[in-house]
Amino acid sequence: MTKITKDFDSICAISSPPGKGGVALIRVSGLNSILLVDKIFSKSIKESNGYQIFYGNIISKGEDIDDVILTVFKNPQSFTGEDTVEINCHGSIFIQQKILALLCENGAKIAQPGEFSKRAFLNRKLDLSQTEAIADLINSKSSAAHSLAIKQLKGGVSSELKILRNKLIEFASLIELELDFSEEDVEFADRKHLNELIQNLISHIDQLKKSFLYGNAIKNGVSTVIAGRPNAGKSTLLNNMLNEQRAIVSSIAGTTRDTIEEVLTINGTDFRLIDTAGIRKTSNEIEKIGVEKTLKKINQSSIVIYIYDCAETKQQEVSKDLKKYIDNNIPYIVVANKIDLQKNINEINKTHFKTSLNNKDNIEDLKKLIYNLFDNQNINNGDIVISNARHFEALKLAHNELIKVKKGLIENKSGDLVAMDIRQILYYIGTITGEISSDELLGNIFAKFCIGK
């Protein structure tokens, strides 16, 4: 971990969205940021104690550029942990660029993407998982994604991993202590206790890993595939859910040849509805490609809505399709469509959702069912949800090492070998929070941030 430092060059950037607007925000941070802004401001801010707001003019060679409001933050009480000045100016592109140019003329450098957040991490204002949550917060497109990012920004994941790390350190300490007294044949670490501890850690990390499916779906939208045989009503279902004519509907079987994707927000969560080609054997090359795409989308989905024509399709055929095309691990809903044409409603499986899409029956009830099916996937994960792919990969590696430790304890391997595996686990967890980091890792993470944050 890089040591706390306040000797970075001063950096500046426009932190508001690009283009013109009513107001714009320009951020300056670094050792000399207050003195630097003082040179171009109509009032002295050199003696500011921080958490102060000033109203005045940005001046260039005696000429007023704009009347602005400055907010001054003194280290370490700022986002970056450095002296920071935020300039609220009018949103003219000319004004924004002119102020940036003046700052650079007086010694500032244009910030790189994510450089303010990177300095916050290096100055230990946030750990690495929290800084990554900032990017997720900025990019959140639904209330569920926003809520998840806020929890992570406040340190939810960090706190959970800190508990895991402390338990591992305790474990490693007992093993290391045994090694120090190996000649005296003293056993400080009770093997039964260690086995229980390792099993608890395995279960804990396994739970966090499982939460990634839920967290990633919230972050990127829940992949919801509408599948079934030709002419079952897949496109009609998509149109009814969206309340618009998005997909072409025809009585001709096989109208949909490619996937159609639209986003539907239910209770603050984005669901990516994917209309697919009807599943059937066909000699038509184009339709065959469409069917292959459908099967691929089903395997990649978070939820499958399987829809069938209950007036034409027998229940045994539905069961056969479900068994053949949908993996047991993928949650699904079975929709019995065209119920108005079914003479004997008692023949339909009681667990199937019954509707007549031509009459737009029960669409809101179906939306609730879809939402609940997804939301229940997180029922055992509590408040801590992993949504970052990098964190998930690190947890997978840590989990694999824990399995090795468990096996080593069962086989009564020497303490030094077990201790090596424990140190490797600590390394993987440390890469998530930032206790272990490298310039290459930080470069890859912060390069994805927007400039000004």
Protein backbone atom coordinates (compact mmCIF):
# COMPACT_ATOMS: atom_id res chain seq x y z
CA MET A 1 0.00 0.00 0.00
CA THR A 2 1.36 3.43 -0.93
CA LYS A 3 2.09 5.70 2.04
CA ILE A 4 -0.03 8.76 2.74
CA THR A 5 1.33 11.66 0.74
CA LYS A 6 0.32 15.27 0.18
CA ASP A 7 3.18 16.21 -2.16
CA PHE A 8 1.46 15.46 -5.47
CA ASP A 9 1.41 18.14 -8.14
CA SER A 10 -1.82 20.11 -8.18
CA ILE A 11 -4.33 18.73 -10.67
CA CYS A 12 -7.47 20.28 -12.14
CA ALA A 13 -10.42 19.11 -14.20
CA ILE A 14 -14.00 19.92 -15.07
CA SER A 15 -16.09 17.66 -12.81
CA SER A 16 -19.51 18.50 -14.27
CA PRO A 17 -20.82 16.83 -17.46
CA PRO A 18 -19.19 18.00 -20.71
CA GLY A 19 -20.83 20.78 -22.72
CA LYS A 20 -22.55 24.01 -21.81
CA GLY A 21 -25.09 24.41 -19.02
CA GLY A 22 -26.32 26.72 -16.30
CA VAL A 23 -23.32 26.06 -14.03
CA ALA A 24 -20.13 24.04 -14.14
CA LEU A 25 -17.78 22.68 -11.48
CA ILE A 26 -14.00 22.77 -11.76
CA ARG A 27 -12.02 20.89 -9.14
CA VAL A 28 -8.41 21.63 -8.10
CA SER A 29 -6.47 19.40 -5.69
CA GLY A 30 -2.88 19.18 -4.48
CA LEU A 31 -0.26 20.70 -2.22
CA ASN A 32 -0.41 24.20 -3.74
CA SER A 33 -4.02 24.20 -4.94
CA ILE A 34 -5.20 26.98 -2.58
CA LEU A 35 -2.25 29.25 -3.41
CA LEU A 36 -2.69 28.49 -7.10
CA VAL A 37 -6.37 29.49 -7.17
CA ASP A 38 -5.57 32.50 -5.00
CA LYS A 39 -3.50 33.90 -7.88
CA ILE A 40 -6.49 34.11 -10.21
CA PHE A 41 -9.21 35.05 -7.69
CA SER A 42 -10.31 38.56 -6.73
CA LYS A 43 -10.11 37.84 -2.97
CA SER A 44 -7.40 36.28 -0.84
CA ILE A 45 -8.14 32.69 0.20
CA LYS A 46 -4.60 31.86 1.41
CA GLU A 47 -5.56 32.02 5.08
CA SER A 48 -8.72 29.96 4.73
CA ASN A 49 -9.27 27.40 7.47
CA GLY A 50 -11.20 25.10 5.17
CA TYR A 51 -14.92 24.42 4.85
CA GLN A 52 -15.30 28.01 3.68
CA ILE A 53 -17.14 29.46 0.71
CA PHE A 54 -16.03 32.62 -1.12
CA TYR A 55 -17.82 34.72 -3.74
CA GLY A 56 -15.75 36.75 -6.19
CA ASN A 57 -14.29 36.91 -9.70
CA ILE A 58 -11.81 34.86 -11.70
CA ILE A 59 -9.37 37.37 -13.15
CA SER A 60 -6.91 37.18 -16.04
CA LYS A 61 -4.53 40.13 -16.59
CA GLY A 62 -6.88 42.51 -14.79
CA GLU A 63 -9.91 41.36 -16.77
CA ASP A 64 -12.91 39.64 -15.15
CA ILE A 65 -13.56 36.21 -16.66
CA ASP A 66 -16.53 35.15 -14.53
CA ASP A 67 -18.11 35.65 -11.14
CA VAL A 68 -17.79 32.37 -9.25
CA ILE A 69 -18.26 30.66 -5.91
CA LEU A 70 -15.23 28.90 -4.42
CA THR A 71 -15.41 26.14 -1.82
CA VAL A 72 -12.13 25.56 0.03
CA PHE A 73 -11.22 22.28 1.77
CA LYS A 74 -8.04 21.90 3.84
CA ASN A 75 -6.23 18.58 4.11
CA PRO A 76 -6.97 16.05 5.39
CA GLN A 77 -10.65 17.07 5.50
CA SER A 78 -11.36 16.73 1.79
CA PHE A 79 -12.33 14.01 -0.67
CA THR A 80 -8.73 13.49 -1.80
CA GLY A 81 -7.13 14.13 1.60
CA GLU A 82 -5.30 17.12 0.06
CA ASP A 83 -5.95 20.85 -0.06
CA THR A 84 -8.80 21.20 -2.53
CA VAL A 85 -10.70 24.06 -4.16
CA GLU A 86 -13.93 23.64 -6.09
CA ILE A 87 -14.86 26.45 -8.49
CA ASN A 88 -18.54 26.89 -9.35
CA CYS A 89 -18.70 28.99 -12.51
CA HIS A 90 -21.20 29.62 -15.29
CA GLY A 91 -21.56 26.73 -17.72
CA SER A 92 -20.21 28.43 -20.85
CA ILE A 93 -17.69 26.15 -22.56
CA PHE A 94 -15.47 29.19 -23.17
CA ILE A 95 -15.48 30.10 -19.45
CA GLN A 96 -14.72 26.53 -18.38
CA GLN A 97 -11.79 26.20 -20.77
CA LYS A 98 -10.48 29.68 -19.90
CA ILE A 99 -10.40 28.88 -16.17
CA LEU A 100 -8.69 25.55 -16.85
CA ALA A 101 -6.08 27.32 -18.97
CA LEU A 102 -5.43 29.88 -16.19
CA LEU A 103 -4.98 27.10 -13.64
CA CYS A 104 -2.49 25.32 -15.89
CA GLU A 105 -0.60 28.58 -16.54
CA ASN A 106 -0.14 28.90 -12.80
CA GLY A 107 1.21 25.40 -12.25
CA ALA A 108 -1.67 22.91 -12.27
CA LYS A 109 -1.85 19.85 -14.49
CA ILE A 110 -4.94 18.44 -16.18
CA ALA A 111 -6.13 15.43 -14.16
CA GLN A 112 -6.09 11.95 -15.63
CA PRO A 113 -9.29 9.81 -15.53
CA GLY A 114 -10.04 8.87 -11.93
CA GLU A 115 -7.04 10.74 -10.54
CA PHE A 116 -8.99 12.48 -7.75
CA SER A 117 -10.38 9.12 -6.60
CA LYS A 118 -6.94 7.57 -6.91
CA ARG A 119 -5.51 10.22 -4.59
CA ALA A 120 -8.35 9.58 -2.14
CA PHE A 121 -7.26 5.93 -2.10
CA LEU A 122 -3.54 6.67 -1.82
CA ASN A 123 -4.22 9.09 1.03
CA ARG A 124 -6.35 6.41 2.77
CA LYS A 125 -9.58 8.36 2.63
CA LEU A 126 -11.20 5.33 0.97
CA ASP A 127 -10.10 1.77 0.37
CA LEU A 128 -9.91 0.36 -3.14
CA SER A 129 -13.33 -1.31 -3.14
CA GLN A 130 -14.91 1.98 -2.02
CA THR A 131 -13.24 3.97 -4.79
CA GLU A 132 -14.50 1.42 -7.34
CA ALA A 133 -17.99 1.90 -5.87
CA ILE A 134 -17.73 5.58 -6.88
CA ALA A 135 -17.58 4.55 -10.55
CA ASP A 136 -20.54 2.22 -10.01
CA LEU A 137 -22.48 5.04 -8.35
CA ILE A 138 -21.81 7.42 -11.25
CA ASN A 139 -22.83 4.74 -13.77
CA SER A 140 -25.90 3.49 -11.87
CA LYS A 141 -29.02 3.49 -14.05
CA SER A 142 -31.63 2.23 -11.58
CA SER A 143 -32.50 2.73 -7.94
CA ALA A 144 -31.37 -0.84 -7.16
CA ALA A 145 -27.94 -0.25 -8.75
CA HIS A 146 -27.70 3.10 -6.94
CA SER A 147 -28.57 1.49 -3.59
CA LEU A 148 -25.99 -1.25 -4.10
CA ALA A 149 -23.24 1.26 -4.98
CA ILE A 150 -24.09 3.42 -1.94
CA LYS A 151 -23.75 0.43 0.41
CA GLN A 152 -20.37 -0.42 -1.09
CA LEU A 153 -19.22 3.20 -0.97
CA LYS A 154 -20.07 3.29 2.74
CA GLY A 155 -17.80 0.30 3.27
CA GLY A 156 -20.23 -2.63 3.37
CA VAL A 157 -17.97 -4.96 1.37
CA SER A 158 -14.86 -3.59 3.09
CA SER A 159 -16.23 -4.30 6.56
CA GLU A 160 -17.15 -7.85 5.59
CA LEU A 161 -13.71 -8.53 4.12
CA LYS A 162 -12.01 -6.97 7.14
CA ILE A 163 -13.75 -9.54 9.37
CA LEU A 164 -12.59 -12.33 7.06
CA ARG A 165 -9.06 -10.97 6.99
CA ASN A 166 -8.83 -10.70 10.79
CA LYS A 167 -9.94 -14.31 11.18
CA LEU A 168 -7.34 -15.41 8.65
CA ILE A 169 -4.63 -13.41 10.42
CA GLU A 170 -5.65 -15.06 13.71
CA PHE A 171 -5.41 -18.44 12.02
CA ALA A 172 -2.04 -17.65 10.46
CA SER A 173 -0.69 -16.33 13.77
CA LEU A 174 -1.45 -19.61 15.53
CA ILE A 175 0.24 -21.59 12.75
CA GLU A 176 3.28 -19.27 12.75
CA LEU A 177 3.54 -19.52 16.54
CA GLU A 178 3.70 -23.30 16.27
CA LEU A 179 6.54 -22.97 13.79
CA ASP A 180 8.52 -20.78 16.21
CA PHE A 181 8.26 -23.49 18.86
CA SER A 182 8.48 -26.48 16.53
CA GLU A 183 11.53 -27.94 18.34
CA GLU A 184 9.63 -27.95 21.65
CA ASP A 185 6.77 -29.90 19.99
CA VAL A 186 4.19 -27.43 21.28
CA GLU A 187 0.80 -27.22 19.55
CA PHE A 188 -0.78 -23.76 19.97
CA ALA A 189 -3.40 -24.31 17.30
CA ASP A 190 -5.98 -26.95 18.07
CA ARG A 191 -6.55 -28.78 14.78
CA LYS A 192 -10.27 -29.27 15.43
CA HIS A 193 -10.69 -25.54 16.08
CA LEU A 194 -8.71 -24.71 12.91
CA ASN A 195 -10.85 -27.06 10.82
CA GLU A 196 -14.02 -25.38 12.11
CA LEU A 197 -12.57 -21.93 11.44
CA ILE A 198 -11.55 -22.83 7.88
CA GLN A 199 -14.96 -24.37 7.16
CA ASN A 200 -16.66 -21.18 8.38
CA LEU A 201 -14.39 -19.08 6.17
CA ILE A 202 -15.10 -21.31 3.16
CA SER A 203 -18.85 -20.96 3.72
CA HIS A 204 -18.53 -17.20 4.18
CA ILE A 205 -16.59 -16.63 0.96
CA ASP A 206 -18.82 -19.07 -0.91
CA GLN A 207 -21.83 -16.96 0.12
CA LEU A 208 -20.13 -13.79 -1.12
CA LYS A 209 -19.31 -15.49 -4.42
CA LYS A 210 -22.92 -16.56 -4.88
CA SER A 211 -24.09 -12.99 -4.29
CA PHE A 212 -22.19 -11.92 -7.42
CA LEU A 213 -24.86 -13.38 -9.71
CA TYR A 214 -27.40 -11.15 -8.00
CA GLY A 215 -25.14 -8.09 -7.72
CA ASN A 216 -23.89 -8.26 -11.29
CA ALA A 217 -27.47 -8.56 -12.57
CA ILE A 218 -28.50 -5.46 -10.61
CA LYS A 219 -25.49 -3.54 -11.88
CA ASN A 220 -25.94 -4.45 -15.56
CA GLY A 221 -29.65 -5.25 -15.70
CA VAL A 222 -31.31 -8.63 -15.12
CA SER A 223 -31.06 -10.71 -18.28
CA THR A 224 -34.63 -11.97 -18.78
CA VAL A 225 -35.13 -14.24 -21.79
CA ILE A 226 -38.60 -14.78 -23.25
CA ALA A 227 -38.51 -18.23 -24.85
CA GLY A 228 -40.91 -20.80 -26.24
CA ARG A 229 -42.15 -22.43 -29.41
CA PRO A 230 -43.08 -20.40 -32.51
CA ASN A 231 -46.34 -18.47 -32.31
CA ALA A 232 -46.63 -18.90 -28.54
CA GLY A 233 -46.90 -15.14 -27.96
CA LYS A 234 -43.32 -14.17 -27.09
CA SER A 235 -43.31 -10.91 -29.05
CA THR A 236 -46.80 -10.02 -27.82
CA LEU A 237 -45.60 -10.55 -24.26
CA LEU A 238 -42.63 -8.22 -24.87
CA ASN A 239 -44.92 -5.54 -26.34
CA ASN A 240 -47.42 -5.85 -23.49
CA MET A 241 -44.70 -5.63 -20.84
CA LEU A 242 -43.25 -2.50 -22.46
CA ASN A 243 -46.71 -1.13 -23.33
CA GLU A 244 -45.57 -0.37 -26.88
CA GLN A 245 -45.30 -2.15 -30.22
CA ARG A 246 -41.60 -2.95 -30.07
CA ALA A 247 -41.62 -6.35 -31.81
CA ILE A 248 -43.44 -7.41 -34.98
CA VAL A 249 -46.38 -9.70 -34.19
CA SER A 250 -47.76 -12.06 -36.84
CA SER A 251 -49.84 -15.21 -37.04
CA ILE A 252 -47.07 -16.66 -39.21
CA ALA A 253 -44.89 -18.95 -37.11
CA GLY A 254 -41.21 -18.01 -36.97
CA THR A 255 -41.62 -14.25 -37.48
CA THR A 256 -38.84 -13.46 -34.98
CA ARG A 257 -35.48 -14.59 -36.39
CA ASP A 258 -33.13 -12.56 -34.19
CA THR A 259 -33.14 -11.40 -30.59
CA ILE A 260 -34.82 -8.12 -29.62
CA GLU A 261 -33.70 -6.52 -26.35
CA GLU A 262 -35.38 -3.76 -24.32
CA VAL A 263 -35.06 -2.56 -20.71
CA LEU A 264 -38.03 -2.62 -18.34
CA THR A 265 -37.71 -1.15 -14.83
CA ILE A 266 -39.70 -2.96 -12.13
CA ASN A 267 -39.56 -1.63 -8.55
CA GLY A 268 -36.33 0.23 -9.30
CA THR A 269 -34.54 -2.77 -10.87
CA ASP A 270 -33.70 -2.91 -14.59
CA PHE A 271 -34.74 -6.09 -16.39
CA ARG A 272 -33.28 -6.63 -19.86
CA LEU A 273 -36.18 -8.33 -21.67
CA ILE A 274 -34.94 -10.43 -24.59
CA ASP A 275 -37.44 -11.63 -27.18
CA THR A 276 -36.07 -14.68 -29.01
CA ALA A 277 -36.74 -16.87 -32.02
CA GLY A 278 -39.21 -19.72 -31.48
CA ILE A 279 -37.59 -23.04 -30.58
CA ARG A 280 -38.25 -25.77 -33.13
CA LYS A 281 -36.47 -28.02 -35.61
CA THR A 282 -36.15 -26.25 -38.94
CA SER A 283 -34.37 -26.63 -42.28
CA ASN A 284 -34.34 -22.86 -42.85
CA GLU A 285 -30.73 -21.75 -42.33
CA ILE A 286 -31.61 -18.26 -41.08
CA GLU A 287 -34.22 -19.56 -38.63
CA LYS A 288 -31.78 -22.24 -37.47
CA ILE A 289 -29.25 -19.53 -36.53
CA GLY A 290 -32.04 -17.74 -34.64
CA VAL A 291 -32.85 -20.90 -32.65
CA GLU A 292 -29.16 -21.36 -31.80
CA LYS A 293 -29.06 -17.76 -30.53
CA THR A 294 -32.14 -18.44 -28.41
CA LEU A 295 -30.54 -21.44 -26.72
CA LYS A 296 -27.36 -19.46 -26.09
CA LYS A 297 -29.32 -16.57 -24.55
CA ILE A 298 -31.21 -18.99 -22.29
CA ASN A 299 -27.93 -20.37 -20.93
CA GLN A 300 -26.64 -16.83 -20.26
CA SER A 301 -29.83 -15.55 -18.64
CA SER A 302 -30.67 -14.69 -15.03
CA ILE A 303 -34.37 -15.51 -15.57
CA VAL A 304 -36.28 -17.35 -18.29
CA ILE A 305 -39.92 -16.70 -19.10
CA TYR A 306 -41.09 -19.79 -20.97
CA ILE A 307 -44.38 -19.10 -22.74
CA TYR A 308 -46.63 -21.58 -24.54
CA ASP A 309 -49.98 -21.71 -26.34
CA CYS A 310 -52.08 -23.62 -23.80
CA ALA A 311 -54.77 -24.33 -26.40
CA GLU A 312 -52.35 -26.07 -28.76
CA THR A 313 -49.48 -27.39 -26.62
CA LYS A 314 -49.90 -30.38 -24.33
CA GLN A 315 -48.59 -30.22 -20.75
CA GLN A 316 -46.26 -33.16 -21.43
CA GLU A 317 -44.67 -31.18 -24.28
CA VAL A 318 -44.15 -28.18 -21.98
CA SER A 319 -42.45 -30.38 -19.36
CA LYS A 320 -40.25 -31.89 -22.08
CA ASP A 321 -39.19 -28.44 -23.32
CA LEU A 322 -38.38 -27.20 -19.81
CA LYS A 323 -36.25 -30.24 -19.08
CA LYS A 324 -34.49 -30.06 -22.46
CA TYR A 325 -33.79 -26.34 -22.77
CA ILE A 326 -33.61 -24.75 -19.29
CA ASP A 327 -30.81 -25.52 -16.85
CA ASN A 328 -31.92 -26.43 -13.34
CA ASN A 329 -29.87 -23.55 -11.91
CA ILE A 330 -31.74 -20.88 -13.92
CA PRO A 331 -34.93 -19.55 -12.28
CA TYR A 332 -37.89 -19.59 -14.66
CA ILE A 333 -41.56 -18.73 -14.95
CA VAL A 334 -43.95 -20.72 -17.13
CA VAL A 335 -46.64 -18.63 -18.81
CA ALA A 336 -49.74 -20.32 -20.23
CA ASN A 337 -50.94 -17.99 -22.98
CA LYS A 338 -54.24 -17.93 -24.93
CA ILE A 339 -56.19 -19.15 -21.93
CA ASP A 340 -59.33 -17.70 -23.53
CA LEU A 341 -59.05 -20.45 -26.19
CA GLN A 342 -58.51 -23.29 -23.72
CA LYS A 343 -61.70 -25.31 -23.26
CA ASN A 344 -60.58 -27.11 -20.09
CA ILE A 345 -58.62 -24.78 -17.80
CA ASN A 346 -58.12 -27.58 -15.25
CA GLU A 347 -55.72 -29.29 -17.64
CA ILE A 348 -53.17 -26.47 -17.12
CA ASN A 349 -50.52 -26.94 -14.44
CA LYS A 350 -51.50 -24.97 -11.35
CA THR A 351 -48.00 -23.44 -11.04
CA HIS A 352 -48.16 -21.89 -14.52
CA PHE A 353 -49.04 -18.20 -14.85
CA LYS A 354 -52.25 -17.99 -16.86
CA THR A 355 -53.00 -15.13 -19.25
CA SER A 356 -54.52 -14.07 -22.54
CA LEU A 357 -51.99 -11.64 -24.01
CA ASN A 358 -54.35 -10.50 -26.75
CA ASN A 359 -56.54 -9.16 -23.95
CA LYS A 360 -53.50 -7.93 -21.97
CA ASP A 361 -54.60 -9.96 -18.95
CA ASN A 362 -52.64 -9.88 -15.68
CA ILE A 363 -49.53 -8.11 -17.06
CA GLU A 364 -48.89 -6.19 -13.84
CA ASP A 365 -49.20 -9.41 -11.83
CA LEU A 366 -46.63 -11.03 -14.12
CA LYS A 367 -44.22 -8.13 -13.58
CA LYS A 368 -44.54 -8.61 -9.80
CA LEU A 369 -43.87 -12.33 -10.21
CA ILE A 370 -40.74 -11.64 -12.29
CA TYR A 371 -39.43 -9.14 -9.75
CA ASN A 372 -40.05 -11.46 -6.79
CA LEU A 373 -38.40 -14.39 -8.56
CA PHE A 374 -35.23 -12.32 -9.00
CA ASP A 375 -35.32 -10.65 -5.59
CA ASN A 376 -35.65 -14.00 -3.82
CA GLN A 377 -32.30 -15.07 -5.28
CA ASN A 378 -30.63 -12.84 -2.70
CA ILE A 379 -32.67 -14.06 0.25
CA ASN A 380 -29.69 -15.72 1.97
CA ASN A 381 -27.05 -13.12 1.18
CA GLY A 382 -28.05 -10.38 3.62
CA ASP A 383 -26.99 -6.84 2.87
CA ILE A 384 -23.53 -7.62 1.48
CA VAL A 385 -23.58 -8.18 -2.26
CA ILE A 386 -20.59 -8.48 -4.60
CA SER A 387 -21.15 -6.73 -7.93
CA ASN A 388 -17.58 -6.12 -9.13
CA ALA A 389 -16.11 -8.78 -11.45
CA ARG A 390 -12.57 -8.12 -10.17
CA HIS A 391 -13.69 -8.76 -6.58
CA PHE A 392 -15.47 -11.94 -7.67
CA GLU A 393 -12.33 -13.31 -9.35
CA ALA A 394 -10.23 -12.55 -6.25
CA LEU A 395 -12.77 -14.32 -4.03
CA LYS A 396 -12.72 -17.36 -6.33
CA LEU A 397 -8.94 -17.56 -5.98
CA ALA A 398 -9.16 -17.13 -2.20
CA HIS A 399 -11.82 -19.85 -2.04
CA ASN A 400 -9.59 -22.27 -3.96
CA GLU A 401 -6.72 -21.62 -1.55
CA LEU A 402 -9.01 -22.21 1.44
CA ILE A 403 -9.91 -25.61 0.01
CA LYS A 404 -6.17 -26.37 -0.17
CA VAL A 405 -5.74 -25.31 3.47
CA LYS A 406 -8.64 -27.53 4.53
CA LYS A 407 -7.12 -30.46 2.67
CA GLY A 408 -3.72 -29.71 4.23
CA LEU A 409 -5.18 -29.82 7.74
CA ILE A 410 -6.96 -33.12 7.03
CA GLU A 411 -3.72 -34.60 5.67
CA ASN A 412 -1.80 -33.12 8.64
CA LYS A 413 0.62 -31.20 6.41
CA SER A 414 3.40 -29.20 8.04
CA GLY A 415 2.54 -25.79 9.46
CA ASP A 416 4.87 -23.91 7.12
CA LEU A 417 3.03 -25.20 4.03
CA VAL A 418 -0.36 -24.34 5.54
CA ALA A 419 0.95 -20.87 6.48
CA MET A 420 2.03 -20.26 2.87
CA ASP A 421 -1.49 -20.99 1.63
CA ILE A 422 -2.97 -18.68 4.27
CA ARG A 423 -0.66 -15.86 3.20
CA GLN A 424 -1.84 -16.36 -0.39
CA ILE A 425 -5.46 -16.01 0.72
CA LEU A 426 -4.61 -12.80 2.58
CA TYR A 427 -3.00 -11.55 -0.62
CA TYR A 428 -6.13 -12.16 -2.72
CA ILE A 429 -8.40 -10.46 -0.20
CA GLY A 430 -5.92 -7.60 0.08
CA THR A 431 -6.16 -6.97 -3.67
CA ILE A 432 -9.86 -6.20 -3.22
CA THR A 433 -9.51 -3.65 -0.45
CA GLY A 434 -6.13 -2.29 -1.56
CA GLU A 435 -3.85 -3.54 1.22
CA ILE A 436 -2.09 -5.21 -1.70
CA SER A 437 -1.88 -3.11 -4.86
CA SER A 438 0.39 -2.37 -7.79
CA ASP A 439 0.75 0.52 -10.20
CA GLU A 440 -0.53 -1.72 -13.01
CA LEU A 441 -3.63 -2.71 -11.02
CA LEU A 442 -4.40 0.88 -10.02
CA GLY A 443 -3.81 2.07 -13.57
CA ASN A 444 -6.31 -0.46 -14.95
CA ILE A 445 -8.94 0.43 -12.34
CA PHE A 446 -8.78 4.22 -12.46
CA ALA A 447 -8.39 4.45 -16.24
CA LYS A 448 -12.08 3.44 -16.45
CA PHE A 449 -13.19 6.45 -14.38
CA CYS A 450 -14.44 9.68 -15.88
CA ILE A 451 -12.16 12.74 -15.86
CA GLY A 452 -12.93 15.00 -12.90
CA LYS A 453 -13.60 12.12 -10.52
